[in-house]
Amino acid sequence: MRKFILNEAFGIIALSVLLIPQIAHTIYVFKINSQYHDPWFSWCYAIGVDLAILIFTVKGWTKTAYAYFIGTLAHNLVYQFYPESIWSSILICIMLSATIFSFSHLFYHKDKAVERNDTAVQPQASAEALRLTALIEAGISFEAQPFLCPECKQSFVNSKKLNGHISGHKQKDEWLAETYGSWENENLERNNMLKG
């Protein structure tokens, strides 16, 4: 039961159920402040704004989700205490404009920035990481080489290839085993990191 409750899908369903009364509040505030009789688009506004909180939370935009929390809290307070005031209209204008802007920014701006390899969107990505990404997209595959030669620092896919390489150093009298420390353990640790 605990695993079911902690499942992300369960959380989204629970949040969606909680949004239903919020939608009802928002529709009421919208209808009271509309010059139209029973406007159908109040449902669109209510569902869109209230789902925005869910979408921004799932996408990790917590600051935006907090801003929407404050906006919907204001909707609830206006609904409860001042349903026919000018503040209802102001809230609707602000929330609708902010939702359109936020959705546009979330779904359109980010995709375009990634297409341009915009480093402002991905500040953590180094030039080397971007270069490797471009190579992978071009169809070039890479194989991890965790086994490092302590003498020349050349890397290999497995210990068998490394041992063959080391035998070359030994034949040329370039192998100084006592100066390399625990290089075998370090190689095994790097290999275990790949598996892990």
N, C-alpha and C. Protein backbone atom coordinates (compact mmCIF):
# COMPACT_ATOMS: atom_id res chain seq x y z
N MET A 1 0.82 -1.20 0.00
CA MET A 1 0.00 0.00 0.00
C MET A 1 0.87 1.26 0.00
N ARG A 2 1.95 1.24 0.78
CA ARG A 2 2.84 2.40 0.86
C ARG A 2 3.45 2.71 -0.51
N LYS A 3 3.84 1.67 -1.24
CA LYS A 3 4.44 1.86 -2.57
C LYS A 3 3.42 2.49 -3.52
N PHE A 4 2.16 2.07 -3.41
CA PHE A 4 1.10 2.61 -4.26
C PHE A 4 0.88 4.10 -3.97
N ILE A 5 0.87 4.45 -2.67
CA ILE A 5 0.63 5.85 -2.29
C ILE A 5 1.78 6.75 -2.72
N LEU A 6 3.01 6.23 -2.68
CA LEU A 6 4.17 7.04 -3.07
C LEU A 6 4.39 7.09 -4.58
N ASN A 7 3.59 6.34 -5.35
CA ASN A 7 3.71 6.33 -6.80
C ASN A 7 3.33 7.71 -7.36
N GLU A 8 4.09 8.16 -8.36
CA GLU A 8 3.86 9.48 -8.95
C GLU A 8 2.47 9.59 -9.57
N ALA A 9 2.00 8.52 -10.23
CA ALA A 9 0.68 8.55 -10.86
C ALA A 9 -0.42 8.75 -9.81
N PHE A 10 -0.27 8.12 -8.65
CA PHE A 10 -1.25 8.29 -7.58
C PHE A 10 -1.27 9.74 -7.11
N GLY A 11 -0.12 10.34 -6.99
CA GLY A 11 -0.03 11.74 -6.58
C GLY A 11 -0.71 12.67 -7.57
N ILE A 12 -0.53 12.41 -8.86
CA ILE A 12 -1.15 13.24 -9.89
C ILE A 12 -2.67 13.09 -9.85
N ILE A 13 -3.15 11.86 -9.66
CA ILE A 13 -4.61 11.63 -9.57
C ILE A 13 -5.17 12.36 -8.34
N ALA A 14 -4.48 12.25 -7.21
CA ALA A 14 -4.93 12.91 -5.99
C ALA A 14 -4.98 14.43 -6.16
N LEU A 15 -3.95 14.99 -6.78
CA LEU A 15 -3.93 16.43 -7.03
C LEU A 15 -5.06 16.84 -7.97
N SER A 16 -5.32 16.03 -8.99
CA SER A 16 -6.40 16.33 -9.94
C SER A 16 -7.75 16.36 -9.24
N VAL A 17 -7.97 15.41 -8.33
CA VAL A 17 -9.23 15.39 -7.57
C VAL A 17 -9.35 16.65 -6.71
N LEU A 18 -8.24 17.06 -6.09
CA LEU A 18 -8.27 18.26 -5.26
C LEU A 18 -8.50 19.53 -6.08
N LEU A 19 -8.17 19.49 -7.36
CA LEU A 19 -8.38 20.67 -8.20
C LEU A 19 -9.86 20.88 -8.55
N ILE A 20 -10.70 19.85 -8.41
CA ILE A 20 -12.11 19.97 -8.81
C ILE A 20 -12.83 21.07 -8.04
N PRO A 21 -12.75 21.13 -6.69
CA PRO A 21 -13.42 22.24 -6.01
C PRO A 21 -12.77 23.59 -6.33
N GLN A 22 -11.48 23.58 -6.58
CA GLN A 22 -10.81 24.82 -6.96
C GLN A 22 -11.36 25.33 -8.29
N ILE A 23 -11.62 24.42 -9.22
CA ILE A 23 -12.19 24.80 -10.52
C ILE A 23 -13.57 25.42 -10.31
N ALA A 24 -14.37 24.82 -9.41
CA ALA A 24 -15.71 25.35 -9.14
C ALA A 24 -15.63 26.78 -8.60
N HIS A 25 -14.69 27.05 -7.69
CA HIS A 25 -14.52 28.41 -7.17
C HIS A 25 -14.15 29.37 -8.28
N THR A 26 -13.20 28.97 -9.10
CA THR A 26 -12.71 29.84 -10.16
C THR A 26 -13.82 30.16 -11.16
N ILE A 27 -14.62 29.16 -11.51
CA ILE A 27 -15.72 29.38 -12.46
C ILE A 27 -16.72 30.39 -11.89
N TYR A 28 -17.03 30.25 -10.62
CA TYR A 28 -17.98 31.17 -9.99
C TYR A 28 -17.46 32.61 -10.05
N VAL A 29 -16.20 32.80 -9.67
CA VAL A 29 -15.62 34.14 -9.69
C VAL A 29 -15.62 34.69 -11.11
N PHE A 30 -15.31 33.85 -12.09
CA PHE A 30 -15.28 34.27 -13.49
C PHE A 30 -16.68 34.68 -13.96
N LYS A 31 -17.68 33.88 -13.65
CA LYS A 31 -19.05 34.15 -14.10
C LYS A 31 -19.60 35.44 -13.49
N ILE A 32 -19.31 35.65 -12.20
CA ILE A 32 -19.81 36.86 -11.52
C ILE A 32 -19.27 38.11 -12.18
N ASN A 33 -18.04 38.04 -12.70
CA ASN A 33 -17.37 39.22 -13.25
C ASN A 33 -17.37 39.26 -14.77
N SER A 34 -18.23 38.49 -15.40
CA SER A 34 -18.26 38.46 -16.85
C SER A 34 -19.52 39.16 -17.35
N GLN A 35 -19.38 39.85 -18.48
CA GLN A 35 -20.56 40.49 -19.07
C GLN A 35 -21.41 39.49 -19.86
N TYR A 36 -20.91 38.25 -20.01
CA TYR A 36 -21.64 37.22 -20.74
C TYR A 36 -22.49 36.40 -19.77
N HIS A 37 -23.61 35.91 -20.27
CA HIS A 37 -24.46 35.06 -19.46
C HIS A 37 -23.98 33.62 -19.59
N ASP A 38 -23.61 33.00 -18.49
CA ASP A 38 -23.15 31.61 -18.44
C ASP A 38 -22.06 31.31 -19.47
N PRO A 39 -20.90 32.00 -19.37
CA PRO A 39 -19.85 31.82 -20.38
C PRO A 39 -19.19 30.43 -20.29
N TRP A 40 -19.17 29.70 -21.40
CA TRP A 40 -18.56 28.37 -21.45
C TRP A 40 -17.05 28.43 -21.27
N PHE A 41 -16.45 29.54 -21.67
CA PHE A 41 -14.99 29.64 -21.59
C PHE A 41 -14.50 29.81 -20.15
N SER A 42 -15.41 30.03 -19.21
CA SER A 42 -14.99 30.07 -17.81
C SER A 42 -14.44 28.71 -17.38
N TRP A 43 -15.02 27.63 -17.96
CA TRP A 43 -14.49 26.29 -17.69
C TRP A 43 -13.07 26.16 -18.23
N CYS A 44 -12.84 26.67 -19.42
CA CYS A 44 -11.48 26.60 -20.02
C CYS A 44 -10.49 27.34 -19.13
N TYR A 45 -10.89 28.54 -18.70
CA TYR A 45 -10.01 29.32 -17.84
C TYR A 45 -9.72 28.58 -16.53
N ALA A 46 -10.77 28.09 -15.89
CA ALA A 46 -10.61 27.43 -14.59
C ALA A 46 -9.75 26.19 -14.68
N ILE A 47 -10.04 25.34 -15.66
CA ILE A 47 -9.27 24.10 -15.80
C ILE A 47 -7.83 24.41 -16.19
N GLY A 48 -7.63 25.36 -17.11
CA GLY A 48 -6.27 25.71 -17.55
C GLY A 48 -5.41 26.27 -16.43
N VAL A 49 -5.97 27.21 -15.68
CA VAL A 49 -5.19 27.82 -14.59
C VAL A 49 -4.91 26.81 -13.50
N ASP A 50 -5.89 25.98 -13.16
CA ASP A 50 -5.68 25.04 -12.07
C ASP A 50 -4.78 23.87 -12.47
N LEU A 51 -4.83 23.47 -13.72
CA LEU A 51 -3.89 22.44 -14.17
C LEU A 51 -2.47 22.98 -14.29
N ALA A 52 -2.36 24.30 -14.44
CA ALA A 52 -1.02 24.91 -14.50
C ALA A 52 -0.23 24.59 -13.24
N ILE A 53 -0.89 24.64 -12.09
CA ILE A 53 -0.21 24.32 -10.84
C ILE A 53 0.34 22.90 -10.88
N LEU A 54 -0.48 21.97 -11.35
CA LEU A 54 -0.06 20.58 -11.44
C LEU A 54 1.11 20.42 -12.42
N ILE A 55 1.00 21.03 -13.58
CA ILE A 55 2.05 20.90 -14.60
C ILE A 55 3.36 21.51 -14.12
N PHE A 56 3.31 22.71 -13.55
CA PHE A 56 4.53 23.36 -13.10
C PHE A 56 5.18 22.60 -11.94
N THR A 57 4.36 22.01 -11.08
CA THR A 57 4.92 21.22 -9.99
C THR A 57 5.62 19.98 -10.52
N VAL A 58 4.96 19.26 -11.44
CA VAL A 58 5.55 18.05 -12.02
C VAL A 58 6.83 18.38 -12.80
N LYS A 59 6.84 19.52 -13.50
CA LYS A 59 8.01 19.92 -14.28
C LYS A 59 9.13 20.48 -13.42
N GLY A 60 8.86 20.70 -12.13
CA GLY A 60 9.91 21.19 -11.24
C GLY A 60 10.00 22.70 -11.16
N TRP A 61 9.03 23.41 -11.69
CA TRP A 61 9.01 24.87 -11.61
C TRP A 61 8.36 25.28 -10.29
N THR A 62 9.02 25.06 -9.19
CA THR A 62 8.40 25.27 -7.89
C THR A 62 8.10 26.74 -7.61
N LYS A 63 8.95 27.66 -8.04
CA LYS A 63 8.68 29.09 -7.81
C LYS A 63 7.42 29.52 -8.55
N THR A 64 7.27 29.04 -9.78
CA THR A 64 6.07 29.37 -10.55
C THR A 64 4.84 28.73 -9.90
N ALA A 65 4.98 27.49 -9.44
CA ALA A 65 3.87 26.82 -8.78
C ALA A 65 3.46 27.59 -7.51
N TYR A 66 4.45 28.12 -6.76
CA TYR A 66 4.13 28.93 -5.57
C TYR A 66 3.38 30.20 -5.96
N ALA A 67 3.80 30.83 -7.05
CA ALA A 67 3.10 32.04 -7.52
C ALA A 67 1.65 31.71 -7.86
N TYR A 68 1.44 30.56 -8.50
CA TYR A 68 0.07 30.15 -8.83
C TYR A 68 -0.71 29.79 -7.57
N PHE A 69 -0.03 29.23 -6.59
CA PHE A 69 -0.69 28.96 -5.31
C PHE A 69 -1.23 30.25 -4.71
N ILE A 70 -0.42 31.30 -4.72
CA ILE A 70 -0.84 32.59 -4.17
C ILE A 70 -2.02 33.14 -4.98
N GLY A 71 -1.93 33.00 -6.31
CA GLY A 71 -3.02 33.49 -7.17
C GLY A 71 -4.33 32.76 -6.92
N THR A 72 -4.28 31.44 -6.79
CA THR A 72 -5.52 30.69 -6.55
C THR A 72 -6.03 30.89 -5.13
N LEU A 73 -5.11 31.11 -4.19
CA LEU A 73 -5.54 31.44 -2.83
C LEU A 73 -6.30 32.77 -2.84
N ALA A 74 -5.79 33.74 -3.60
CA ALA A 74 -6.48 35.02 -3.73
C ALA A 74 -7.85 34.83 -4.37
N HIS A 75 -7.93 33.96 -5.39
CA HIS A 75 -9.23 33.63 -6.00
C HIS A 75 -10.20 33.11 -4.93
N ASN A 76 -9.74 32.20 -4.10
CA ASN A 76 -10.60 31.62 -3.06
C ASN A 76 -11.07 32.67 -2.06
N LEU A 77 -10.16 33.55 -1.65
CA LEU A 77 -10.52 34.59 -0.69
C LEU A 77 -11.53 35.58 -1.29
N VAL A 78 -11.30 35.94 -2.54
CA VAL A 78 -12.23 36.84 -3.23
C VAL A 78 -13.59 36.17 -3.37
N TYR A 79 -13.57 34.89 -3.74
CA TYR A 79 -14.82 34.12 -3.88
C TYR A 79 -15.59 34.11 -2.57
N GLN A 80 -14.89 33.96 -1.48
CA GLN A 80 -15.54 33.83 -0.17
C GLN A 80 -16.04 35.17 0.36
N PHE A 81 -15.24 36.23 0.22
CA PHE A 81 -15.55 37.48 0.90
C PHE A 81 -15.99 38.63 -0.01
N TYR A 82 -15.46 38.66 -1.26
CA TYR A 82 -15.79 39.78 -2.16
C TYR A 82 -16.09 39.27 -3.57
N PRO A 83 -17.10 38.43 -3.74
CA PRO A 83 -17.32 37.79 -5.04
C PRO A 83 -17.62 38.75 -6.19
N GLU A 84 -18.17 39.93 -5.92
CA GLU A 84 -18.53 40.84 -7.00
C GLU A 84 -17.63 42.07 -7.04
N SER A 85 -16.46 42.00 -6.43
CA SER A 85 -15.57 43.17 -6.39
C SER A 85 -14.72 43.25 -7.66
N ILE A 86 -14.06 44.38 -7.82
CA ILE A 86 -13.15 44.60 -8.97
C ILE A 86 -11.94 43.69 -8.88
N TRP A 87 -11.61 43.24 -7.66
CA TRP A 87 -10.43 42.38 -7.48
C TRP A 87 -10.59 41.05 -8.21
N SER A 88 -11.81 40.58 -8.35
CA SER A 88 -12.04 39.34 -9.10
C SER A 88 -11.60 39.51 -10.55
N SER A 89 -11.99 40.61 -11.15
CA SER A 89 -11.63 40.87 -12.54
C SER A 89 -10.12 41.04 -12.70
N ILE A 90 -9.51 41.73 -11.76
CA ILE A 90 -8.05 41.93 -11.82
C ILE A 90 -7.32 40.60 -11.71
N LEU A 91 -7.78 39.76 -10.78
CA LEU A 91 -7.15 38.44 -10.62
C LEU A 91 -7.27 37.60 -11.89
N ILE A 92 -8.44 37.62 -12.50
CA ILE A 92 -8.65 36.84 -13.73
C ILE A 92 -7.70 37.33 -14.83
N CYS A 93 -7.59 38.64 -14.98
CA CYS A 93 -6.69 39.20 -16.01
C CYS A 93 -5.24 38.78 -15.77
N ILE A 94 -4.80 38.90 -14.53
CA ILE A 94 -3.40 38.56 -14.19
C ILE A 94 -3.14 37.06 -14.38
N MET A 95 -4.03 36.24 -13.85
CA MET A 95 -3.81 34.78 -13.91
C MET A 95 -3.86 34.27 -15.34
N LEU A 96 -4.78 34.79 -16.16
CA LEU A 96 -4.87 34.32 -17.55
C LEU A 96 -3.62 34.69 -18.33
N SER A 97 -3.19 35.94 -18.21
CA SER A 97 -1.97 36.38 -18.91
C SER A 97 -0.74 35.61 -18.43
N ALA A 98 -0.63 35.43 -17.12
CA ALA A 98 0.52 34.71 -16.58
C ALA A 98 0.53 33.26 -17.03
N THR A 99 -0.64 32.63 -17.12
CA THR A 99 -0.71 31.23 -17.55
C THR A 99 -0.28 31.09 -19.00
N ILE A 100 -0.78 31.96 -19.85
CA ILE A 100 -0.39 31.90 -21.27
C ILE A 100 1.12 32.11 -21.42
N PHE A 101 1.66 33.11 -20.72
CA PHE A 101 3.10 33.36 -20.80
C PHE A 101 3.90 32.18 -20.27
N SER A 102 3.49 31.65 -19.11
CA SER A 102 4.24 30.56 -18.49
C SER A 102 4.22 29.30 -19.33
N PHE A 103 3.05 28.95 -19.87
CA PHE A 103 2.97 27.77 -20.74
C PHE A 103 3.83 27.96 -21.98
N SER A 104 3.77 29.15 -22.57
CA SER A 104 4.58 29.42 -23.76
C SER A 104 6.06 29.26 -23.44
N HIS A 105 6.46 29.83 -22.32
CA HIS A 105 7.86 29.75 -21.93
C HIS A 105 8.28 28.31 -21.63
N LEU A 106 7.42 27.57 -20.95
CA LEU A 106 7.74 26.19 -20.56
C LEU A 106 7.84 25.27 -21.77
N PHE A 107 6.85 25.34 -22.67
CA PHE A 107 6.79 24.37 -23.75
C PHE A 107 7.45 24.83 -25.05
N TYR A 108 7.53 26.12 -25.30
CA TYR A 108 8.08 26.58 -26.57
C TYR A 108 9.50 27.10 -26.42
N HIS A 109 9.72 28.03 -25.50
CA HIS A 109 11.03 28.67 -25.35
C HIS A 109 12.12 27.66 -25.02
N LYS A 110 11.85 26.73 -24.12
CA LYS A 110 12.87 25.75 -23.71
C LYS A 110 13.27 24.87 -24.89
N ASP A 111 12.27 24.41 -25.69
CA ASP A 111 12.59 23.57 -26.85
C ASP A 111 13.45 24.31 -27.85
N LYS A 112 13.14 25.57 -28.12
CA LYS A 112 13.92 26.35 -29.08
C LYS A 112 15.33 26.59 -28.56
N ALA A 113 15.46 26.83 -27.26
CA ALA A 113 16.78 27.06 -26.68
C ALA A 113 17.64 25.81 -26.78
N VAL A 114 17.05 24.64 -26.56
CA VAL A 114 17.81 23.39 -26.66
C VAL A 114 18.23 23.14 -28.10
N GLU A 115 17.34 23.48 -29.08
CA GLU A 115 17.70 23.32 -30.49
C GLU A 115 18.91 24.17 -30.85
N ARG A 116 19.04 25.37 -30.22
CA ARG A 116 20.16 26.27 -30.51
C ARG A 116 21.38 25.93 -29.67
N ASN A 117 21.27 24.92 -28.79
CA ASN A 117 22.33 24.62 -27.81
C ASN A 117 22.62 25.84 -26.96
N ASP A 118 21.57 26.51 -26.52
CA ASP A 118 21.67 27.73 -25.72
C ASP A 118 22.25 27.39 -24.35
N THR A 119 23.44 27.92 -24.06
CA THR A 119 24.08 27.61 -22.78
C THR A 119 23.43 28.36 -21.62
N ALA A 120 22.58 29.35 -21.91
CA ALA A 120 21.86 30.02 -20.83
C ALA A 120 20.83 29.08 -20.21
N VAL A 121 20.26 28.19 -21.02
CA VAL A 121 19.29 27.23 -20.51
C VAL A 121 20.01 26.07 -19.85
N GLN A 122 21.20 25.72 -20.34
CA GLN A 122 21.97 24.61 -19.81
C GLN A 122 23.33 25.11 -19.32
N PRO A 123 23.36 25.94 -18.27
CA PRO A 123 24.64 26.50 -17.85
C PRO A 123 25.61 25.46 -17.34
N GLN A 124 25.11 24.31 -16.86
CA GLN A 124 25.98 23.29 -16.32
C GLN A 124 26.68 22.50 -17.42
N ALA A 125 26.22 22.62 -18.65
CA ALA A 125 26.82 21.85 -19.74
C ALA A 125 28.09 22.53 -20.22
N SER A 126 29.18 21.82 -20.15
CA SER A 126 30.45 22.37 -20.60
C SER A 126 30.55 22.25 -22.12
N ALA A 127 31.52 22.91 -22.70
CA ALA A 127 31.73 22.82 -24.14
C ALA A 127 32.03 21.39 -24.55
N GLU A 128 32.75 20.67 -23.71
CA GLU A 128 33.07 19.27 -24.00
C GLU A 128 31.82 18.40 -24.01
N ALA A 129 30.91 18.63 -23.05
CA ALA A 129 29.67 17.86 -23.00
C ALA A 129 28.81 18.14 -24.24
N LEU A 130 28.76 19.40 -24.67
CA LEU A 130 28.00 19.74 -25.87
C LEU A 130 28.63 19.09 -27.11
N ARG A 131 29.96 19.06 -27.15
CA ARG A 131 30.65 18.42 -28.28
C ARG A 131 30.35 16.93 -28.31
N LEU A 132 30.39 16.27 -27.15
CA LEU A 132 30.08 14.84 -27.09
C LEU A 132 28.64 14.55 -27.48
N THR A 133 27.73 15.42 -27.06
CA THR A 133 26.32 15.26 -27.44
C THR A 133 26.17 15.35 -28.96
N ALA A 134 26.84 16.29 -29.58
CA ALA A 134 26.78 16.43 -31.04
C ALA A 134 27.34 15.19 -31.74
N LEU A 135 28.42 14.63 -31.21
CA LEU A 135 29.00 13.42 -31.79
C LEU A 135 28.05 12.23 -31.67
N ILE A 136 27.41 12.09 -30.52
CA ILE A 136 26.46 10.99 -30.31
C ILE A 136 25.27 11.13 -31.25
N GLU A 137 24.77 12.37 -31.41
CA GLU A 137 23.66 12.61 -32.33
C GLU A 137 24.05 12.33 -33.77
N ALA A 138 25.34 12.46 -34.08
CA ALA A 138 25.82 12.17 -35.44
C ALA A 138 25.99 10.67 -35.67
N GLY A 139 25.77 9.86 -34.64
CA GLY A 139 25.83 8.41 -34.80
C GLY A 139 27.14 7.79 -34.36
N ILE A 140 28.00 8.55 -33.73
CA ILE A 140 29.28 8.01 -33.26
C ILE A 140 29.06 7.46 -31.86
N SER A 141 29.39 6.18 -31.67
CA SER A 141 29.19 5.57 -30.35
C SER A 141 30.49 5.56 -29.57
N PHE A 142 30.35 5.58 -28.27
CA PHE A 142 31.51 5.60 -27.37
C PHE A 142 31.44 4.40 -26.45
N GLU A 143 32.60 3.89 -26.11
CA GLU A 143 32.67 2.76 -25.20
C GLU A 143 33.50 3.18 -23.99
N ALA A 144 33.00 2.89 -22.82
CA ALA A 144 33.71 3.25 -21.60
C ALA A 144 35.02 2.49 -21.51
N GLN A 145 36.05 3.18 -21.05
CA GLN A 145 37.39 2.58 -20.91
C GLN A 145 37.90 2.86 -19.49
N PRO A 146 37.40 2.08 -18.53
CA PRO A 146 37.74 2.35 -17.13
C PRO A 146 39.12 1.87 -16.69
N PHE A 147 39.79 1.05 -17.50
CA PHE A 147 41.08 0.47 -17.10
C PHE A 147 42.21 1.35 -17.62
N LEU A 148 42.89 2.01 -16.68
CA LEU A 148 43.90 3.00 -17.00
C LEU A 148 45.30 2.45 -16.74
N CYS A 149 46.19 2.63 -17.72
CA CYS A 149 47.59 2.22 -17.55
C CYS A 149 48.28 3.23 -16.64
N PRO A 150 48.87 2.80 -15.54
CA PRO A 150 49.50 3.74 -14.61
C PRO A 150 50.78 4.35 -15.16
N GLU A 151 51.36 3.75 -16.18
CA GLU A 151 52.60 4.26 -16.76
C GLU A 151 52.35 5.39 -17.75
N CYS A 152 51.47 5.17 -18.73
CA CYS A 152 51.28 6.15 -19.80
C CYS A 152 49.89 6.80 -19.80
N LYS A 153 49.03 6.36 -18.87
CA LYS A 153 47.68 6.90 -18.71
C LYS A 153 46.74 6.61 -19.88
N GLN A 154 47.08 5.66 -20.72
CA GLN A 154 46.19 5.24 -21.79
C GLN A 154 45.09 4.36 -21.18
N SER A 155 43.87 4.45 -21.70
CA SER A 155 42.76 3.71 -21.10
C SER A 155 42.28 2.59 -22.03
N PHE A 156 41.66 1.56 -21.39
CA PHE A 156 41.24 0.36 -22.12
C PHE A 156 39.86 -0.09 -21.65
N VAL A 157 39.17 -0.85 -22.52
CA VAL A 157 37.82 -1.32 -22.25
C VAL A 157 37.79 -2.36 -21.13
N ASN A 158 38.78 -3.25 -21.10
CA ASN A 158 38.78 -4.30 -20.09
C ASN A 158 40.21 -4.58 -19.63
N SER A 159 40.32 -5.39 -18.56
CA SER A 159 41.62 -5.68 -17.97
C SER A 159 42.49 -6.52 -18.90
N LYS A 160 41.88 -7.33 -19.75
CA LYS A 160 42.65 -8.17 -20.68
C LYS A 160 43.43 -7.30 -21.66
N LYS A 161 42.78 -6.28 -22.20
CA LYS A 161 43.47 -5.38 -23.14
C LYS A 161 44.54 -4.56 -22.42
N LEU A 162 44.24 -4.15 -21.19
CA LEU A 162 45.23 -3.40 -20.41
C LEU A 162 46.46 -4.27 -20.14
N ASN A 163 46.25 -5.53 -19.77
CA ASN A 163 47.39 -6.42 -19.49
C ASN A 163 48.25 -6.64 -20.73
N GLY A 164 47.61 -6.73 -21.90
CA GLY A 164 48.38 -6.84 -23.14
C GLY A 164 49.24 -5.60 -23.38
N HIS A 165 48.65 -4.45 -23.10
CA HIS A 165 49.38 -3.19 -23.23
C HIS A 165 50.55 -3.12 -22.26
N ILE A 166 50.31 -3.55 -20.99
CA ILE A 166 51.35 -3.52 -19.96
C ILE A 166 52.53 -4.42 -20.35
N SER A 167 52.23 -5.54 -20.99
CA SER A 167 53.33 -6.44 -21.40
C SER A 167 54.26 -5.73 -22.38
N GLY A 168 53.72 -4.82 -23.18
CA GLY A 168 54.58 -4.02 -24.07
C GLY A 168 55.51 -3.12 -23.28
N HIS A 169 54.99 -2.51 -22.21
CA HIS A 169 55.85 -1.69 -21.34
C HIS A 169 56.95 -2.53 -20.72
N LYS A 170 56.58 -3.75 -20.30
CA LYS A 170 57.56 -4.63 -19.64
C LYS A 170 58.66 -5.04 -20.62
N GLN A 171 58.31 -5.29 -21.87
CA GLN A 171 59.31 -5.68 -22.87
C GLN A 171 60.29 -4.55 -23.14
N LYS A 172 59.84 -3.31 -23.00
CA LYS A 172 60.70 -2.15 -23.25
C LYS A 172 61.36 -1.65 -21.96
N ASP A 173 61.21 -2.40 -20.87
CA ASP A 173 61.73 -2.02 -19.56
C ASP A 173 61.21 -0.65 -19.10
N GLU A 174 59.93 -0.40 -19.39
CA GLU A 174 59.30 0.84 -18.97
C GLU A 174 58.37 0.63 -17.76
N TRP A 175 58.27 -0.57 -17.28
CA TRP A 175 57.32 -0.90 -16.22
C TRP A 175 57.99 -0.79 -14.86
N LEU A 176 57.49 0.14 -14.00
CA LEU A 176 58.05 0.36 -12.67
C LEU A 176 56.93 0.12 -11.64
N ALA A 177 56.60 -1.15 -11.41
CA ALA A 177 55.43 -1.56 -10.61
C ALA A 177 55.39 -0.91 -9.22
N GLU A 178 56.55 -0.73 -8.60
CA GLU A 178 56.58 -0.21 -7.24
C GLU A 178 56.19 1.27 -7.15
N THR A 179 56.15 1.97 -8.26
CA THR A 179 55.84 3.41 -8.23
C THR A 179 54.38 3.74 -8.55
N TYR A 180 53.57 2.73 -8.84
CA TYR A 180 52.20 2.99 -9.31
C TYR A 180 51.14 2.93 -8.21
N GLY A 181 51.49 2.58 -7.02
CA GLY A 181 50.52 2.52 -5.92
C GLY A 181 49.45 1.45 -6.14
N SER A 182 48.22 1.75 -5.80
CA SER A 182 47.13 0.76 -5.90
C SER A 182 46.33 0.96 -7.20
N TRP A 183 47.03 0.97 -8.30
CA TRP A 183 46.38 1.23 -9.60
C TRP A 183 45.37 0.15 -9.97
N GLU A 184 45.61 -1.10 -9.57
CA GLU A 184 44.67 -2.17 -9.91
C GLU A 184 43.32 -1.96 -9.21
N ASN A 185 43.36 -1.59 -7.92
CA ASN A 185 42.13 -1.31 -7.18
C ASN A 185 41.39 -0.11 -7.76
N GLU A 186 42.12 0.91 -8.16
CA GLU A 186 41.50 2.10 -8.76
C GLU A 186 40.78 1.73 -10.06
N ASN A 187 41.41 0.87 -10.86
CA ASN A 187 40.77 0.42 -12.10
C ASN A 187 39.49 -0.37 -11.81
N LEU A 188 39.55 -1.25 -10.80
CA LEU A 188 38.36 -2.02 -10.44
C LEU A 188 37.23 -1.11 -9.92
N GLU A 189 37.59 -0.08 -9.17
CA GLU A 189 36.59 0.86 -8.66
C GLU A 189 35.92 1.61 -9.81
N ARG A 190 36.72 2.05 -10.79
CA ARG A 190 36.14 2.73 -11.96
C ARG A 190 35.21 1.80 -12.73
N ASN A 191 35.62 0.56 -12.87
CA ASN A 191 34.80 -0.43 -13.58
C ASN A 191 33.49 -0.69 -12.82
N ASN A 192 33.56 -0.78 -11.48
CA ASN A 192 32.37 -1.00 -10.66
C ASN A 192 31.41 0.19 -10.73
N MET A 193 31.96 1.41 -10.89
CA MET A 193 31.12 2.59 -11.03
C MET A 193 30.27 2.51 -12.30
N LEU A 194 30.81 1.93 -13.34
CA LEU A 194 30.06 1.78 -14.58
C LEU A 194 28.91 0.81 -14.42
N LYS A 195 29.12 -0.24 -13.63
CA LYS A 195 28.09 -1.27 -13.43
C LYS A 195 27.00 -0.79 -12.48
N GLY A 196 27.40 0.09 -11.55
CA GLY A 196 26.59 0.40 -10.45
C GLY A 196 25.49 1.28 -10.45
